[in-house]
Amino acid sequence: MKTLRVNPIACDGHGLCAELLPERITLDDWGYPVVDSEPIPAALEPHARRAVAACPTLALLLGKASGPASRSRAPVERRPSLP
C-alpha cells in the first residue's frame, strides 16, 4: 500500500488534489490540503496517482507505506518527465 504526503513549502493551495481525491484529501480554511495519513487502498490508487500527476506545483507525493517510523522518509513516486 502507499501513502500520500504533501510538501507544504511547494504547495500553493490550488485545491485540485482535493477535487480529484476527496476520499483522502480535504482543504483547510485557507484552501491548503489536509491529507489523510492512512494508506491508500488499491481501489483508490489510480485516483491518487491522477491527483499527484495533476498537482501544478508537484507538491503531492505518493510513496510506499512501510510503517509509522519510516513514513516521513518513504520513497516517493514522482510524475514522469515530459519529453
Protein backbone atom coordinates (compact mmCIF):
# COMPACT_ATOMS: atom_id res chain seq x y z
CA MET A 1 0.00 0.00 0.00
CA LYS A 2 1.02 3.59 -0.49
CA THR A 3 0.54 6.84 1.37
CA LEU A 4 0.10 10.40 0.23
CA ARG A 5 2.15 13.30 1.50
CA VAL A 6 2.08 16.98 0.69
CA ASN A 7 5.11 19.25 0.63
CA PRO A 8 3.75 22.33 2.42
CA ILE A 9 6.52 24.54 1.09
CA ALA A 10 5.81 23.68 -2.55
CA CYS A 11 2.01 23.76 -2.21
CA ASP A 12 0.24 26.93 -3.36
CA GLY A 13 -3.23 25.77 -2.31
CA HIS A 14 -4.76 25.30 -5.76
CA GLY A 15 -7.06 22.58 -4.34
CA LEU A 16 -7.05 20.39 -7.44
CA CYS A 17 -5.89 17.39 -5.39
CA ALA A 18 -8.94 17.63 -3.10
CA GLU A 19 -11.23 17.72 -6.12
CA LEU A 20 -9.60 14.63 -7.60
CA LEU A 21 -9.28 12.62 -4.37
CA PRO A 22 -11.91 13.83 -1.88
CA GLU A 23 -11.83 10.43 -0.15
CA ARG A 24 -8.38 11.23 1.28
CA ILE A 25 -7.78 14.98 0.86
CA THR A 26 -9.73 17.86 2.35
CA LEU A 27 -8.92 21.57 2.34
CA ASP A 28 -8.29 23.67 5.42
CA ASP A 29 -9.77 27.13 5.98
CA TRP A 30 -7.11 28.70 3.75
CA GLY A 31 -7.52 26.22 0.88
CA TYR A 32 -4.46 24.08 1.61
CA PRO A 33 -4.72 20.29 1.53
CA VAL A 34 -5.06 18.14 4.62
CA VAL A 35 -4.03 14.62 3.64
CA ASP A 36 -5.36 11.56 5.44
CA SER A 37 -2.35 9.63 6.75
CA GLU A 38 -3.96 6.21 6.25
CA PRO A 39 -2.55 4.05 3.44
CA ILE A 40 -4.29 4.36 0.09
CA PRO A 41 -6.33 1.24 -0.69
CA ALA A 42 -5.69 -0.41 -4.05
CA ALA A 43 -9.07 0.74 -5.36
CA LEU A 44 -8.14 4.41 -4.81
CA GLU A 45 -4.54 4.18 -6.04
CA PRO A 46 -5.33 5.18 -9.66
CA HIS A 47 -7.17 8.25 -8.35
CA ALA A 48 -4.25 9.08 -6.05
CA ARG A 49 -1.82 8.81 -8.98
CA ARG A 50 -4.04 11.13 -11.01
CA ALA A 51 -4.09 13.69 -8.19
CA VAL A 52 -0.28 13.52 -7.89
CA ALA A 53 0.15 13.94 -11.65
CA ALA A 54 -2.27 16.89 -11.77
CA CYS A 55 -0.64 18.91 -8.97
CA PRO A 56 0.57 22.12 -10.65
CA THR A 57 3.39 22.63 -8.14
CA LEU A 58 4.41 18.94 -7.75
CA ALA A 59 3.65 19.23 -4.03
CA LEU A 60 1.68 15.99 -3.72
CA LEU A 61 3.73 12.81 -3.35
CA LEU A 62 2.74 9.14 -3.40
CA GLY A 63 5.10 6.79 -1.57
CA LYS A 64 5.30 3.32 -0.12
CA ALA A 65 3.81 2.81 3.32
CA SER A 66 6.27 0.78 5.32
CA GLY A 67 5.32 1.61 8.88
CA PRO A 68 4.92 4.60 11.18
CA ALA A 69 8.64 5.06 11.86
CA SER A 70 9.59 5.32 8.21
CA ARG A 71 6.57 7.18 6.84
CA SER A 72 8.35 10.51 6.81
CA ARG A 73 11.17 9.07 4.72
CA ALA A 74 9.17 6.77 2.44
CA PRO A 75 10.35 6.67 -1.17
CA VAL A 76 8.10 8.67 -3.44
CA GLU A 77 6.91 8.29 -6.98
CA ARG A 78 7.23 11.43 -9.00
CA ARG A 79 5.34 12.38 -12.08
CA PRO A 80 7.20 11.28 -15.23
CA SER A 81 9.25 13.90 -17.04
CA LEU A 82 7.87 15.36 -20.19
CA PRO A 83 9.92 14.73 -23.35
